[in-house]
Amino acid sequence: MAGISLRHISSCLSSTRIFRIMTNTASSLGAACSAYTFVEGASPTIKEDEDLVKQTLSMVGSCEKLPESNFHAFTGLAGSGPAFVYTILEALADGAVLSGLPRATARKFAAQMALGASKMALESGKHTGELKDAVTSPAGTTISGVAALERGKIRGVLMEAVQASSNRSKELSGEK
């Protein structure tokens, strides 16, 4: 239901106790990235309802309250983002196969490497640029690979992918 606003949902229901929630498929593993919003003061029990929503969403991963105006961007990042990461993981595994690793091993290592890097990004308290620099030595293998990524304009391509998904969410909602 990407792009469906609280206003639209409210127009279809008689209740004022309405939450808009966006999560992703990682919820099936307890690793979702979810956002929610609601109309402040919509009912006398809205804060209790919010506590229940937060508690429920926390059971399947992390959650944050966002203003509804941020939902299209969140959809582009957290809703569509897993497909982008899967595409990147597949490409990394393909590169490892091209370099000699067996396919099954390459897929497993690509996923585990991404899991570890994500955990570092979430838990180290360091900026991702600092984490990248920590594994990038002068004239080394990593900087050679980073240079190849930059020549391919990976940053711009990923930014455009998130923006395209966000824009599509706006289109689905009827916004421009």
N, C-alpha and C. Protein backbone atom coordinates (compact mmCIF):
# COMPACT_ATOMS: atom_id res chain seq x y z
N MET A 1 0.81 -1.19 0.00
CA MET A 1 0.00 0.00 0.00
C MET A 1 0.86 1.26 0.00
N ALA A 2 1.97 1.21 -0.70
CA ALA A 2 2.84 2.38 -0.78
C ALA A 2 2.05 3.57 -1.29
N GLY A 3 2.30 4.71 -0.67
CA GLY A 3 1.69 5.94 -1.14
C GLY A 3 0.30 6.24 -0.60
N ILE A 4 -0.27 5.37 0.22
CA ILE A 4 -1.62 5.60 0.73
C ILE A 4 -1.53 6.44 2.01
N SER A 5 -2.11 7.62 1.99
CA SER A 5 -1.98 8.58 3.09
C SER A 5 -2.97 8.30 4.22
N LEU A 6 -2.66 8.89 5.39
CA LEU A 6 -3.59 8.81 6.51
C LEU A 6 -4.94 9.41 6.15
N ARG A 7 -4.92 10.50 5.41
CA ARG A 7 -6.16 11.16 5.01
C ARG A 7 -7.02 10.19 4.20
N HIS A 8 -6.39 9.48 3.25
CA HIS A 8 -7.14 8.53 2.43
C HIS A 8 -7.67 7.38 3.28
N ILE A 9 -6.83 6.84 4.15
CA ILE A 9 -7.26 5.74 5.02
C ILE A 9 -8.43 6.20 5.89
N SER A 10 -8.31 7.41 6.46
CA SER A 10 -9.37 7.95 7.32
C SER A 10 -10.68 8.10 6.58
N SER A 11 -10.60 8.47 5.30
CA SER A 11 -11.83 8.66 4.53
C SER A 11 -12.57 7.35 4.28
N CYS A 12 -11.87 6.24 4.42
CA CYS A 12 -12.48 4.92 4.19
C CYS A 12 -12.99 4.28 5.47
N LEU A 13 -12.64 4.85 6.62
CA LEU A 13 -12.99 4.24 7.90
C LEU A 13 -13.70 5.25 8.79
N SER A 14 -14.42 4.76 9.77
CA SER A 14 -15.09 5.66 10.70
C SER A 14 -14.23 5.96 11.93
N SER A 15 -13.22 5.17 12.18
CA SER A 15 -12.37 5.34 13.36
C SER A 15 -11.36 6.46 13.16
N THR A 16 -11.00 7.11 14.27
CA THR A 16 -9.92 8.10 14.23
C THR A 16 -8.62 7.50 14.76
N ARG A 17 -8.67 6.28 15.22
CA ARG A 17 -7.49 5.60 15.77
C ARG A 17 -6.78 4.87 14.64
N ILE A 18 -6.14 5.64 13.78
CA ILE A 18 -5.53 5.08 12.58
C ILE A 18 -4.03 5.37 12.58
N PHE A 19 -3.27 4.34 12.30
CA PHE A 19 -1.82 4.47 12.16
C PHE A 19 -1.44 4.09 10.74
N ARG A 20 -0.51 4.82 10.20
CA ARG A 20 0.09 4.43 8.91
C ARG A 20 1.43 3.81 9.25
N ILE A 21 1.64 2.59 8.78
CA ILE A 21 2.85 1.83 9.09
C ILE A 21 3.47 1.34 7.80
N MET A 22 4.79 1.45 7.72
CA MET A 22 5.54 0.89 6.59
C MET A 22 6.65 0.03 7.19
N THR A 23 6.73 -1.19 6.73
CA THR A 23 7.79 -2.08 7.18
C THR A 23 8.37 -2.75 5.94
N ASN A 24 9.25 -3.71 6.14
CA ASN A 24 9.79 -4.43 4.98
C ASN A 24 9.83 -5.93 5.25
N THR A 25 10.23 -6.67 4.25
CA THR A 25 10.15 -8.13 4.31
C THR A 25 11.06 -8.75 5.36
N ALA A 26 12.04 -8.01 5.85
CA ALA A 26 12.91 -8.56 6.89
C ALA A 26 12.16 -8.77 8.20
N SER A 27 10.92 -8.31 8.27
CA SER A 27 10.11 -8.55 9.47
C SER A 27 9.93 -10.04 9.73
N SER A 28 9.96 -10.84 8.66
CA SER A 28 9.80 -12.29 8.82
C SER A 28 10.96 -12.91 9.59
N LEU A 29 12.07 -12.19 9.70
CA LEU A 29 13.24 -12.67 10.45
C LEU A 29 13.51 -11.84 11.70
N GLY A 30 12.60 -10.93 12.04
CA GLY A 30 12.81 -10.07 13.19
C GLY A 30 13.84 -8.98 12.96
N ALA A 31 14.08 -8.63 11.70
CA ALA A 31 15.10 -7.64 11.36
C ALA A 31 14.54 -6.50 10.51
N ALA A 32 13.26 -6.20 10.68
CA ALA A 32 12.63 -5.16 9.86
C ALA A 32 13.10 -3.77 10.24
N CYS A 33 12.91 -2.88 9.33
CA CYS A 33 13.09 -1.45 9.52
C CYS A 33 11.71 -0.86 9.26
N SER A 34 11.04 -0.40 10.31
CA SER A 34 9.65 0.05 10.20
C SER A 34 9.50 1.50 10.63
N ALA A 35 8.53 2.16 10.03
CA ALA A 35 8.17 3.52 10.43
C ALA A 35 6.66 3.58 10.61
N TYR A 36 6.23 4.49 11.46
CA TYR A 36 4.80 4.66 11.67
C TYR A 36 4.50 6.14 11.88
N THR A 37 3.26 6.49 11.68
CA THR A 37 2.78 7.83 11.96
C THR A 37 1.30 7.76 12.28
N PHE A 38 0.78 8.82 12.84
CA PHE A 38 -0.64 8.90 13.17
C PHE A 38 -1.00 10.37 13.32
N VAL A 39 -2.27 10.65 13.42
CA VAL A 39 -2.72 12.03 13.63
C VAL A 39 -2.71 12.29 15.13
N GLU A 40 -1.85 13.23 15.56
CA GLU A 40 -1.76 13.58 16.98
C GLU A 40 -3.13 14.03 17.49
N GLY A 41 -3.52 13.54 18.67
CA GLY A 41 -4.78 13.95 19.27
C GLY A 41 -6.02 13.42 18.59
N ALA A 42 -5.86 12.44 17.72
CA ALA A 42 -7.01 11.91 16.97
C ALA A 42 -8.01 11.21 17.88
N SER A 43 -7.54 10.70 19.00
CA SER A 43 -8.45 10.06 19.95
C SER A 43 -7.82 10.18 21.34
N PRO A 44 -8.62 10.03 22.38
CA PRO A 44 -8.09 10.15 23.74
C PRO A 44 -7.06 9.06 24.06
N THR A 45 -7.10 7.94 23.35
CA THR A 45 -6.20 6.83 23.66
C THR A 45 -5.04 6.72 22.67
N ILE A 46 -4.79 7.77 21.89
CA ILE A 46 -3.79 7.65 20.81
C ILE A 46 -2.39 7.35 21.35
N LYS A 47 -2.02 7.89 22.51
CA LYS A 47 -0.69 7.61 23.06
C LYS A 47 -0.57 6.15 23.50
N GLU A 48 -1.62 5.61 24.09
CA GLU A 48 -1.62 4.19 24.45
C GLU A 48 -1.56 3.33 23.19
N ASP A 49 -2.30 3.76 22.17
CA ASP A 49 -2.26 3.05 20.89
C ASP A 49 -0.84 3.09 20.31
N GLU A 50 -0.19 4.26 20.41
CA GLU A 50 1.18 4.38 19.90
C GLU A 50 2.11 3.42 20.63
N ASP A 51 1.97 3.33 21.95
CA ASP A 51 2.81 2.39 22.71
C ASP A 51 2.62 0.96 22.22
N LEU A 52 1.38 0.58 21.94
CA LEU A 52 1.10 -0.76 21.44
C LEU A 52 1.71 -0.97 20.05
N VAL A 53 1.59 0.03 19.18
CA VAL A 53 2.19 -0.07 17.84
C VAL A 53 3.70 -0.21 17.95
N LYS A 54 4.34 0.64 18.78
CA LYS A 54 5.80 0.55 18.96
C LYS A 54 6.21 -0.81 19.50
N GLN A 55 5.48 -1.30 20.49
CA GLN A 55 5.79 -2.60 21.07
C GLN A 55 5.66 -3.71 20.03
N THR A 56 4.60 -3.66 19.24
CA THR A 56 4.37 -4.68 18.21
C THR A 56 5.45 -4.62 17.13
N LEU A 57 5.73 -3.43 16.62
CA LEU A 57 6.75 -3.30 15.57
C LEU A 57 8.14 -3.67 16.07
N SER A 58 8.41 -3.39 17.34
CA SER A 58 9.72 -3.73 17.92
C SER A 58 9.93 -5.24 17.99
N MET A 59 8.85 -6.00 17.95
CA MET A 59 8.97 -7.46 17.98
C MET A 59 9.49 -8.01 16.65
N VAL A 60 9.41 -7.21 15.59
CA VAL A 60 9.86 -7.68 14.27
C VAL A 60 11.04 -6.85 13.73
N GLY A 61 11.66 -6.04 14.60
CA GLY A 61 12.81 -5.25 14.18
C GLY A 61 12.80 -3.88 14.83
N SER A 62 13.43 -2.92 14.16
CA SER A 62 13.48 -1.56 14.70
C SER A 62 12.32 -0.74 14.14
N CYS A 63 11.93 0.29 14.89
CA CYS A 63 10.86 1.16 14.40
C CYS A 63 11.10 2.58 14.88
N GLU A 64 10.60 3.51 14.09
CA GLU A 64 10.69 4.94 14.40
C GLU A 64 9.40 5.62 14.00
N LYS A 65 9.02 6.61 14.77
CA LYS A 65 7.90 7.47 14.37
C LYS A 65 8.47 8.51 13.40
N LEU A 66 7.80 8.68 12.27
CA LEU A 66 8.20 9.68 11.28
C LEU A 66 7.02 10.57 10.96
N PRO A 67 7.29 11.82 10.60
CA PRO A 67 6.19 12.62 10.06
C PRO A 67 5.72 12.00 8.74
N GLU A 68 4.44 12.10 8.46
CA GLU A 68 3.93 11.48 7.24
C GLU A 68 4.63 12.02 6.00
N SER A 69 5.11 13.25 6.05
CA SER A 69 5.80 13.84 4.90
C SER A 69 7.09 13.10 4.55
N ASN A 70 7.61 12.29 5.47
CA ASN A 70 8.83 11.51 5.21
C ASN A 70 8.55 10.09 4.73
N PHE A 71 7.29 9.71 4.63
CA PHE A 71 6.98 8.32 4.28
C PHE A 71 7.38 7.93 2.86
N HIS A 72 7.30 8.84 1.91
CA HIS A 72 7.72 8.49 0.55
C HIS A 72 9.22 8.19 0.52
N ALA A 73 10.01 9.02 1.21
CA ALA A 73 11.46 8.79 1.27
C ALA A 73 11.75 7.48 2.00
N PHE A 74 11.03 7.23 3.09
CA PHE A 74 11.22 5.98 3.84
C PHE A 74 10.88 4.78 2.96
N THR A 75 9.80 4.89 2.19
CA THR A 75 9.42 3.81 1.28
C THR A 75 10.52 3.54 0.27
N GLY A 76 11.10 4.61 -0.28
CA GLY A 76 12.19 4.46 -1.25
C GLY A 76 13.41 3.80 -0.66
N LEU A 77 13.71 4.11 0.61
CA LEU A 77 14.88 3.55 1.26
C LEU A 77 14.61 2.17 1.86
N ALA A 78 13.68 2.09 2.78
CA ALA A 78 13.49 0.85 3.54
C ALA A 78 12.53 -0.13 2.89
N GLY A 79 11.59 0.37 2.11
CA GLY A 79 10.67 -0.53 1.42
C GLY A 79 11.29 -1.15 0.19
N SER A 80 11.93 -0.32 -0.62
CA SER A 80 12.56 -0.79 -1.86
C SER A 80 14.01 -1.19 -1.66
N GLY A 81 14.65 -0.63 -0.66
CA GLY A 81 16.07 -0.86 -0.43
C GLY A 81 16.52 -2.31 -0.36
N PRO A 82 15.75 -3.21 0.26
CA PRO A 82 16.20 -4.60 0.27
C PRO A 82 16.46 -5.15 -1.14
N ALA A 83 15.64 -4.79 -2.11
CA ALA A 83 15.88 -5.26 -3.49
C ALA A 83 17.20 -4.71 -4.02
N PHE A 84 17.52 -3.46 -3.64
CA PHE A 84 18.80 -2.88 -4.08
C PHE A 84 19.96 -3.64 -3.46
N VAL A 85 19.83 -3.96 -2.17
CA VAL A 85 20.89 -4.70 -1.48
C VAL A 85 21.04 -6.10 -2.06
N TYR A 86 19.92 -6.76 -2.37
CA TYR A 86 20.01 -8.09 -2.98
C TYR A 86 20.73 -8.03 -4.32
N THR A 87 20.46 -6.98 -5.08
CA THR A 87 21.13 -6.80 -6.37
C THR A 87 22.63 -6.61 -6.16
N ILE A 88 22.99 -5.81 -5.15
CA ILE A 88 24.40 -5.59 -4.84
C ILE A 88 25.05 -6.89 -4.38
N LEU A 89 24.38 -7.63 -3.50
CA LEU A 89 24.92 -8.90 -3.02
C LEU A 89 25.14 -9.88 -4.17
N GLU A 90 24.19 -9.93 -5.09
CA GLU A 90 24.33 -10.81 -6.25
C GLU A 90 25.54 -10.40 -7.09
N ALA A 91 25.71 -9.10 -7.28
CA ALA A 91 26.85 -8.62 -8.07
C ALA A 91 28.18 -8.90 -7.36
N LEU A 92 28.22 -8.73 -6.04
CA LEU A 92 29.44 -9.04 -5.29
C LEU A 92 29.77 -10.53 -5.41
N ALA A 93 28.77 -11.37 -5.26
CA ALA A 93 28.99 -12.81 -5.40
C ALA A 93 29.46 -13.15 -6.82
N ASP A 94 28.86 -12.51 -7.82
CA ASP A 94 29.29 -12.74 -9.21
C ASP A 94 30.76 -12.35 -9.38
N GLY A 95 31.16 -11.25 -8.77
CA GLY A 95 32.57 -10.84 -8.84
C GLY A 95 33.49 -11.85 -8.20
N ALA A 96 33.05 -12.42 -7.08
CA ALA A 96 33.86 -13.44 -6.41
C ALA A 96 33.93 -14.71 -7.25
N VAL A 97 32.83 -15.08 -7.90
CA VAL A 97 32.84 -16.24 -8.80
C VAL A 97 33.79 -15.97 -9.96
N LEU A 98 33.73 -14.78 -10.51
CA LEU A 98 34.63 -14.40 -11.60
C LEU A 98 36.09 -14.50 -11.16
N SER A 99 36.33 -14.26 -9.87
CA SER A 99 37.68 -14.33 -9.33
C SER A 99 38.05 -15.72 -8.83
N GLY A 100 37.12 -16.70 -8.90
CA GLY A 100 37.47 -18.07 -8.59
C GLY A 100 36.73 -18.76 -7.47
N LEU A 101 35.91 -18.06 -6.71
CA LEU A 101 35.18 -18.72 -5.62
C LEU A 101 34.00 -19.51 -6.17
N PRO A 102 33.67 -20.64 -5.55
CA PRO A 102 32.46 -21.37 -5.93
C PRO A 102 31.22 -20.52 -5.63
N ARG A 103 30.17 -20.65 -6.43
CA ARG A 103 28.96 -19.83 -6.31
C ARG A 103 28.37 -19.86 -4.90
N ALA A 104 28.16 -21.03 -4.33
CA ALA A 104 27.52 -21.12 -3.01
C ALA A 104 28.36 -20.42 -1.95
N THR A 105 29.66 -20.58 -2.02
CA THR A 105 30.56 -19.93 -1.07
C THR A 105 30.52 -18.42 -1.26
N ALA A 106 30.53 -17.97 -2.49
CA ALA A 106 30.50 -16.54 -2.79
C ALA A 106 29.22 -15.89 -2.26
N ARG A 107 28.08 -16.55 -2.47
CA ARG A 107 26.80 -16.00 -1.99
C ARG A 107 26.79 -15.91 -0.47
N LYS A 108 27.27 -16.95 0.19
CA LYS A 108 27.29 -16.97 1.65
C LYS A 108 28.21 -15.88 2.19
N PHE A 109 29.41 -15.78 1.64
CA PHE A 109 30.36 -14.77 2.12
C PHE A 109 29.88 -13.35 1.82
N ALA A 110 29.27 -13.12 0.68
CA ALA A 110 28.76 -11.78 0.35
C ALA A 110 27.70 -11.36 1.38
N ALA A 111 26.78 -12.27 1.68
CA ALA A 111 25.73 -11.95 2.65
C ALA A 111 26.29 -11.75 4.05
N GLN A 112 27.22 -12.60 4.47
CA GLN A 112 27.81 -12.46 5.80
C GLN A 112 28.63 -11.19 5.91
N MET A 113 29.37 -10.85 4.86
CA MET A 113 30.15 -9.61 4.86
C MET A 113 29.22 -8.41 5.01
N ALA A 114 28.09 -8.41 4.29
CA ALA A 114 27.14 -7.29 4.37
C ALA A 114 26.50 -7.22 5.75
N LEU A 115 26.21 -8.37 6.33
CA LEU A 115 25.66 -8.42 7.68
C LEU A 115 26.64 -7.81 8.67
N GLY A 116 27.91 -8.21 8.58
CA GLY A 116 28.93 -7.68 9.47
C GLY A 116 29.14 -6.18 9.28
N ALA A 117 29.19 -5.74 8.03
CA ALA A 117 29.37 -4.31 7.75
C ALA A 117 28.18 -3.51 8.26
N SER A 118 26.98 -4.05 8.09
CA SER A 118 25.78 -3.37 8.58
C SER A 118 25.79 -3.28 10.10
N LYS A 119 26.21 -4.35 10.75
CA LYS A 119 26.30 -4.35 12.21
C LYS A 119 27.31 -3.31 12.69
N MET A 120 28.44 -3.22 11.99
CA MET A 120 29.44 -2.19 12.32
C MET A 120 28.84 -0.79 12.15
N ALA A 121 28.12 -0.57 11.06
CA ALA A 121 27.52 0.74 10.80
C ALA A 121 26.49 1.10 11.88
N LEU A 122 25.74 0.12 12.35
CA LEU A 122 24.72 0.36 13.36
C LEU A 122 25.29 0.51 14.77
N GLU A 123 26.31 -0.27 15.10
CA GLU A 123 26.72 -0.38 16.50
C GLU A 123 28.03 0.31 16.85
N SER A 124 28.85 0.66 15.88
CA SER A 124 30.16 1.23 16.21
C SER A 124 30.10 2.70 16.61
N GLY A 125 29.05 3.39 16.21
CA GLY A 125 28.97 4.82 16.48
C GLY A 125 29.80 5.65 15.53
N LYS A 126 30.42 5.01 14.55
CA LYS A 126 31.27 5.71 13.59
C LYS A 126 30.51 5.97 12.29
N HIS A 127 30.88 7.05 11.62
CA HIS A 127 30.33 7.37 10.30
C HIS A 127 30.80 6.30 9.31
N THR A 128 29.95 5.97 8.36
CA THR A 128 30.32 4.93 7.39
C THR A 128 31.57 5.30 6.60
N GLY A 129 31.81 6.58 6.38
CA GLY A 129 33.05 6.99 5.70
C GLY A 129 34.28 6.65 6.53
N GLU A 130 34.17 6.82 7.84
CA GLU A 130 35.27 6.47 8.75
C GLU A 130 35.50 4.95 8.76
N LEU A 131 34.42 4.18 8.75
CA LEU A 131 34.55 2.72 8.70
C LEU A 131 35.21 2.28 7.40
N LYS A 132 34.81 2.91 6.29
CA LYS A 132 35.42 2.59 4.99
C LYS A 132 36.91 2.91 5.03
N ASP A 133 37.24 4.09 5.54
CA ASP A 133 38.65 4.49 5.60
C ASP A 133 39.49 3.54 6.45
N ALA A 134 38.88 2.96 7.48
CA ALA A 134 39.61 2.05 8.38
C ALA A 134 40.04 0.76 7.69
N VAL A 135 39.37 0.39 6.60
CA VAL A 135 39.75 -0.84 5.88
C VAL A 135 40.38 -0.54 4.52
N THR A 136 40.73 0.73 4.31
CA THR A 136 41.28 1.15 3.02
C THR A 136 42.70 1.64 3.22
N SER A 137 43.67 0.85 2.80
CA SER A 137 45.07 1.26 2.96
C SER A 137 45.62 1.82 1.65
N PRO A 138 46.63 2.69 1.74
CA PRO A 138 47.22 3.30 0.54
C PRO A 138 47.68 2.24 -0.47
N ALA A 139 47.28 2.41 -1.70
CA ALA A 139 47.65 1.53 -2.82
C ALA A 139 47.24 0.08 -2.59
N GLY A 140 46.24 -0.13 -1.73
CA GLY A 140 45.82 -1.49 -1.40
C GLY A 140 44.69 -2.02 -2.26
N THR A 141 44.26 -3.20 -1.91
CA THR A 141 43.20 -3.86 -2.67
C THR A 141 41.86 -3.14 -2.53
N THR A 142 41.56 -2.69 -1.31
CA THR A 142 40.27 -2.06 -1.07
C THR A 142 40.12 -0.74 -1.81
N ILE A 143 41.15 0.11 -1.77
CA ILE A 143 41.05 1.39 -2.47
C ILE A 143 40.94 1.17 -3.98
N SER A 144 41.56 0.11 -4.48
CA SER A 144 41.41 -0.21 -5.90
C SER A 144 39.96 -0.55 -6.23
N GLY A 145 39.32 -1.32 -5.36
CA GLY A 145 37.92 -1.66 -5.56
C GLY A 145 37.00 -0.46 -5.38
N VAL A 146 37.29 0.38 -4.38
CA VAL A 146 36.49 1.59 -4.16
C VAL A 146 36.59 2.51 -5.38
N ALA A 147 37.79 2.63 -5.94
CA ALA A 147 37.97 3.46 -7.14
C ALA A 147 37.13 2.92 -8.30
N ALA A 148 37.06 1.60 -8.43
CA ALA A 148 36.23 1.01 -9.49
C ALA A 148 34.75 1.34 -9.25
N LEU A 149 34.31 1.27 -8.00
CA LEU A 149 32.93 1.63 -7.68
C LEU A 149 32.65 3.10 -8.02
N GLU A 150 33.58 3.96 -7.69
CA GLU A 150 33.40 5.39 -7.97
C GLU A 150 33.40 5.67 -9.47
N ARG A 151 34.23 4.97 -10.22
CA ARG A 151 34.21 5.13 -11.69
C ARG A 151 32.86 4.72 -12.25
N GLY A 152 32.24 3.74 -11.63
CA GLY A 152 30.91 3.28 -12.05
C GLY A 152 29.78 4.13 -11.49
N LYS A 153 30.14 5.15 -10.73
CA LYS A 153 29.16 6.09 -10.17
C LYS A 153 28.14 5.42 -9.24
N ILE A 154 28.64 4.50 -8.42
CA ILE A 154 27.74 3.75 -7.55
C ILE A 154 26.92 4.64 -6.63
N ARG A 155 27.52 5.68 -6.09
CA ARG A 155 26.78 6.55 -5.17
C ARG A 155 25.59 7.20 -5.86
N GLY A 156 25.84 7.76 -7.03
CA GLY A 156 24.77 8.42 -7.78
C GLY A 156 23.68 7.45 -8.20
N VAL A 157 24.09 6.26 -8.62
CA VAL A 157 23.11 5.26 -9.05
C VAL A 157 22.23 4.83 -7.88
N LEU A 158 22.82 4.61 -6.72
CA LEU A 158 22.03 4.21 -5.55
C LEU A 158 21.12 5.34 -5.08
N MET A 159 21.63 6.57 -5.11
CA MET A 159 20.80 7.71 -4.74
C MET A 159 19.61 7.84 -5.69
N GLU A 160 19.87 7.66 -6.98
CA GLU A 160 18.79 7.73 -7.97
C GLU A 160 17.77 6.61 -7.78
N ALA A 161 18.23 5.42 -7.39
CA ALA A 161 17.31 4.31 -7.15
C ALA A 161 16.35 4.62 -6.01
N VAL A 162 16.88 5.15 -4.91
CA VAL A 162 16.03 5.51 -3.77
C VAL A 162 15.07 6.62 -4.17
N GLN A 163 15.59 7.62 -4.88
CA GLN A 163 14.74 8.73 -5.30
C GLN A 163 13.65 8.27 -6.28
N ALA A 164 13.99 7.38 -7.20
CA ALA A 164 12.99 6.87 -8.15
C ALA A 164 11.88 6.12 -7.41
N SER A 165 12.25 5.32 -6.42
CA SER A 165 11.25 4.59 -5.63
C SER A 165 10.39 5.55 -4.82
N SER A 166 11.03 6.55 -4.24
CA SER A 166 10.31 7.57 -3.48
C SER A 166 9.34 8.33 -4.38
N ASN A 167 9.80 8.69 -5.56
CA ASN A 167 8.94 9.40 -6.51
C ASN A 167 7.76 8.53 -6.95
N ARG A 168 7.99 7.24 -7.12
CA ARG A 168 6.91 6.33 -7.50
C ARG A 168 5.87 6.25 -6.38
N SER A 169 6.33 6.26 -5.13
CA SER A 169 5.40 6.27 -4.01
C SER A 169 4.53 7.52 -4.06
N LYS A 170 5.14 8.66 -4.38
CA LYS A 170 4.37 9.91 -4.52
C LYS A 170 3.34 9.78 -5.64
N GLU A 171 3.76 9.21 -6.77
CA GLU A 171 2.84 9.03 -7.90
C GLU A 171 1.65 8.16 -7.49
N LEU A 172 1.94 7.07 -6.78
CA LEU A 172 0.86 6.17 -6.35
C LEU A 172 -0.13 6.87 -5.42
N SER A 173 0.37 7.86 -4.68
CA SER A 173 -0.51 8.58 -3.75
C SER A 173 -1.28 9.69 -4.44
N GLY A 174 -0.92 9.98 -5.69
CA GLY A 174 -1.57 11.07 -6.40
C GLY A 174 -0.86 12.39 -6.25
N GLU A 175 0.26 12.41 -5.49
CA GLU A 175 1.06 13.62 -5.35
C GLU A 175 1.95 13.79 -6.57
N LYS A 176 2.44 14.97 -6.75
CA LYS A 176 3.38 15.23 -7.85
C LYS A 176 4.79 15.27 -7.34
